[in-house]
Amino acid sequence: MAVLRFAVLSAALTGCYSPELRDCAVACASVDDCGPNQVCGSDRWCASPSLAGRCLTMATPDAAVGTDGAPGVIEDAAVDATVDAAPDAPTTLSLVVQIAGNGSVTIPGVGNCGYAAPNHQCTFTVMIGAQLMLTASGIDEFEFDKWQSAACAGQGATCTLTPLPPTTTIAVKFRRAN
């Protein structure tokens, strides 16, 4: 029977592991529990980003917890990690902003897209499910006319939306002010 030994992590050492730790060998609650170049996957095991969420072992992450409740390390080589073929679902998506007319769209914390952008559009990488606020502003003699995408339809110059995969395209139209 495999013997599991656990390393109890102090708050000062969280995230500091020796480089010989392998993917799928450290249980985690957040990326702070993982070593360099590793992330905490949805399966609650530290692994390289390409393997995150795909760790399978004979033990569960709940078994690899020290007596103080901190994540632990499986050290026994008899409990070998394997990798599942299915990767974690993506956490980001592309948000495409298309502009018709002379104006711009500002997304706080993400960026600004103006009519002068190539093909009058910009592509931003945003977190899936994170609510965004887009503000359309006319330039020179132009003013906001309307959002031409269902996600913002009927909203004024400020659109609140929650991006969903695979790609969200938001089109906005500006018109010459009278």
Protein backbone atom coordinates (compact mmCIF):
# COMPACT_ATOMS: atom_id res chain seq x y z
CA MET A 1 0.00 0.00 0.00
CA ALA A 2 1.32 3.38 -0.94
CA VAL A 3 2.30 5.62 1.89
CA LEU A 4 1.46 9.26 1.46
CA ARG A 5 3.62 11.76 3.22
CA PHE A 6 2.51 15.35 3.37
CA ALA A 7 4.53 18.51 3.53
CA VAL A 8 2.86 21.05 5.74
CA LEU A 9 3.25 24.46 4.19
CA SER A 10 3.67 27.55 6.27
CA ALA A 11 2.24 30.83 5.03
CA ALA A 12 5.77 32.12 4.42
CA LEU A 13 6.62 29.20 2.15
CA THR A 14 3.41 28.95 0.12
CA GLY A 15 4.33 28.66 -3.53
CA CYS A 16 8.01 27.91 -2.79
CA TYR A 17 8.76 24.37 -3.90
CA SER A 18 11.90 22.67 -5.01
CA PRO A 19 12.23 22.46 -8.81
CA GLU A 20 12.15 18.64 -8.82
CA LEU A 21 8.41 18.60 -8.09
CA ARG A 22 6.50 17.06 -10.94
CA ASP A 23 3.24 18.11 -12.54
CA CYS A 24 0.19 16.62 -10.81
CA ALA A 25 2.10 16.02 -7.54
CA VAL A 26 0.97 18.98 -5.42
CA ALA A 27 -2.62 19.60 -4.34
CA CYS A 28 -3.63 23.25 -4.55
CA ALA A 29 -6.34 25.74 -3.75
CA SER A 30 -4.83 28.60 -5.80
CA VAL A 31 -1.85 29.34 -8.05
CA ASP A 32 0.00 30.57 -4.92
CA ASP A 33 0.24 26.93 -3.81
CA CYS A 34 2.09 25.88 -6.98
CA GLY A 35 5.72 26.02 -7.99
CA PRO A 36 7.25 28.17 -10.72
CA ASN A 37 5.72 27.69 -14.18
CA GLN A 38 2.76 25.80 -12.71
CA VAL A 39 -0.90 26.75 -12.26
CA CYS A 40 -3.65 25.33 -10.07
CA GLY A 41 -5.97 23.39 -12.39
CA SER A 42 -9.71 22.84 -11.97
CA ASP A 43 -8.83 19.37 -10.65
CA ARG A 44 -6.97 21.12 -7.75
CA TRP A 45 -3.50 19.85 -8.77
CA CYS A 46 -0.48 21.99 -9.68
CA ALA A 47 0.70 21.44 -13.25
CA SER A 48 2.15 23.27 -16.22
CA PRO A 49 -0.48 25.39 -18.02
CA SER A 50 -0.68 22.83 -20.85
CA LEU A 51 -1.61 20.06 -18.38
CA ALA A 52 -3.72 22.06 -15.91
CA GLY A 53 -7.01 20.38 -15.06
CA ARG A 54 -5.95 17.06 -16.55
CA CYS A 55 -4.24 15.39 -13.58
CA LEU A 56 -5.51 12.00 -12.45
CA THR A 57 -3.94 10.15 -9.53
CA MET A 58 -4.72 7.28 -7.24
CA ALA A 59 -5.22 9.83 -4.47
CA THR A 60 -7.59 12.77 -4.40
CA PRO A 61 -6.51 16.35 -3.75
CA ASP A 62 -8.42 16.16 -0.45
CA ALA A 63 -6.03 13.39 0.66
CA ALA A 64 -3.04 15.63 0.09
CA VAL A 65 -3.76 18.09 2.87
CA GLY A 66 -1.60 18.64 5.91
CA THR A 67 -2.93 18.60 9.45
CA ASP A 68 -3.31 22.39 9.37
CA GLY A 69 -5.56 22.23 6.29
CA ALA A 70 -2.85 23.58 3.95
CA PRO A 71 -2.31 21.88 0.58
CA GLY A 72 0.21 19.09 0.69
CA VAL A 73 2.63 17.21 -1.48
CA ILE A 74 2.35 13.58 -2.51
CA GLU A 75 5.92 12.32 -2.17
CA ASP A 76 5.57 8.56 -2.54
CA ALA A 77 6.61 7.50 -6.05
CA ALA A 78 4.14 4.60 -5.85
CA VAL A 79 1.31 7.09 -6.24
CA ASP A 80 2.07 8.13 -9.77
CA ALA A 81 0.23 10.89 -11.57
CA THR A 82 -1.31 10.44 -14.96
CA VAL A 83 -2.80 13.00 -17.29
CA ASP A 84 -6.33 13.07 -18.64
CA ALA A 85 -6.68 13.84 -22.34
CA ALA A 86 -9.25 16.64 -21.91
CA PRO A 87 -7.84 20.10 -21.08
CA ASP A 88 -9.52 22.66 -18.83
CA ALA A 89 -12.10 24.87 -20.46
CA PRO A 90 -10.70 28.24 -21.59
CA THR A 91 -10.99 31.16 -19.18
CA THR A 92 -10.71 33.91 -21.78
CA LEU A 93 -12.25 34.75 -25.12
CA SER A 94 -11.83 37.26 -27.92
CA LEU A 95 -14.05 40.33 -27.79
CA VAL A 96 -14.20 42.02 -31.20
CA VAL A 97 -15.35 45.65 -31.35
CA GLN A 98 -16.43 46.89 -34.80
CA ILE A 99 -16.94 50.61 -35.38
CA ALA A 100 -19.07 52.22 -38.11
CA GLY A 101 -18.66 55.99 -38.24
CA ASN A 102 -16.25 58.31 -36.49
CA GLY A 103 -16.15 57.24 -32.85
CA SER A 104 -14.51 55.04 -30.25
CA VAL A 105 -15.40 52.46 -27.62
CA THR A 106 -13.71 52.41 -24.22
CA ILE A 107 -13.69 49.32 -22.00
CA PRO A 108 -12.23 50.13 -18.55
CA GLY A 109 -9.38 47.81 -17.65
CA VAL A 110 -9.34 46.34 -21.16
CA GLY A 111 -8.66 49.04 -23.74
CA ASN A 112 -9.93 51.56 -26.26
CA CYS A 113 -10.94 50.99 -29.87
CA GLY A 114 -11.20 53.89 -32.30
CA TYR A 115 -12.39 54.26 -35.88
CA ALA A 116 -8.76 54.60 -37.00
CA ALA A 117 -8.04 50.98 -36.00
CA PRO A 118 -7.28 48.60 -38.89
CA ASN A 119 -10.56 47.61 -40.59
CA HIS A 120 -12.34 49.78 -38.01
CA GLN A 121 -12.18 46.99 -35.44
CA CYS A 122 -10.18 45.84 -32.43
CA THR A 123 -9.83 42.46 -30.74
CA PHE A 124 -9.38 42.23 -26.98
CA THR A 125 -8.82 39.18 -24.76
CA VAL A 126 -11.29 39.23 -21.85
CA MET A 127 -12.30 36.88 -19.05
CA ILE A 128 -15.31 34.69 -19.79
CA GLY A 129 -18.27 35.64 -17.60
CA ALA A 130 -16.71 38.88 -16.28
CA GLN A 131 -19.17 41.73 -16.67
CA LEU A 132 -17.86 44.55 -18.88
CA MET A 133 -19.00 48.12 -19.45
CA LEU A 134 -18.42 49.51 -22.95
CA THR A 135 -18.79 53.25 -23.51
CA ALA A 136 -19.24 54.59 -27.04
CA SER A 137 -18.16 58.17 -27.74
CA GLY A 138 -18.47 60.12 -30.98
CA ILE A 139 -15.47 61.99 -32.40
CA ASP A 140 -15.56 65.38 -34.12
CA GLU A 141 -19.08 65.94 -35.52
CA PHE A 142 -20.21 62.36 -34.87
CA GLU A 143 -22.35 61.04 -32.03
CA PHE A 144 -23.41 57.62 -30.80
CA ASP A 145 -26.28 56.21 -32.87
CA LYS A 146 -26.82 52.61 -31.72
CA TRP A 147 -25.29 49.29 -30.85
CA GLN A 148 -25.74 46.91 -33.78
CA SER A 149 -25.18 43.69 -31.81
CA ALA A 150 -27.79 41.75 -29.85
CA ALA A 151 -25.65 41.77 -26.67
CA CYS A 152 -25.94 45.58 -26.43
CA ALA A 153 -29.17 46.19 -28.39
CA GLY A 154 -31.44 48.79 -26.83
CA GLN A 155 -28.79 50.12 -24.46
CA GLY A 156 -27.60 53.72 -24.58
CA ALA A 157 -24.02 54.84 -25.23
CA THR A 158 -22.94 52.66 -22.29
CA CYS A 159 -23.45 48.93 -22.77
CA THR A 160 -23.11 46.38 -19.98
CA LEU A 161 -22.52 42.81 -21.13
CA THR A 162 -21.11 39.49 -20.01
CA PRO A 163 -18.96 37.90 -22.73
CA LEU A 164 -19.61 34.25 -23.54
CA PRO A 165 -17.57 31.88 -25.76
CA PRO A 166 -16.37 31.32 -28.33
CA THR A 167 -16.12 34.90 -29.63
CA THR A 168 -18.23 37.93 -28.88
CA THR A 169 -18.53 40.62 -31.55
CA ILE A 170 -19.92 44.01 -30.63
CA ALA A 171 -20.72 46.46 -33.42
CA VAL A 172 -21.49 50.13 -32.82
CA LYS A 173 -22.69 52.83 -35.20
CA PHE A 174 -21.98 56.55 -35.01
CA ARG A 175 -23.81 59.21 -37.07
CA ARG A 176 -23.02 62.76 -38.04
CA ALA A 177 -24.58 65.15 -35.50
CA ASN A 178 -27.24 67.50 -36.87
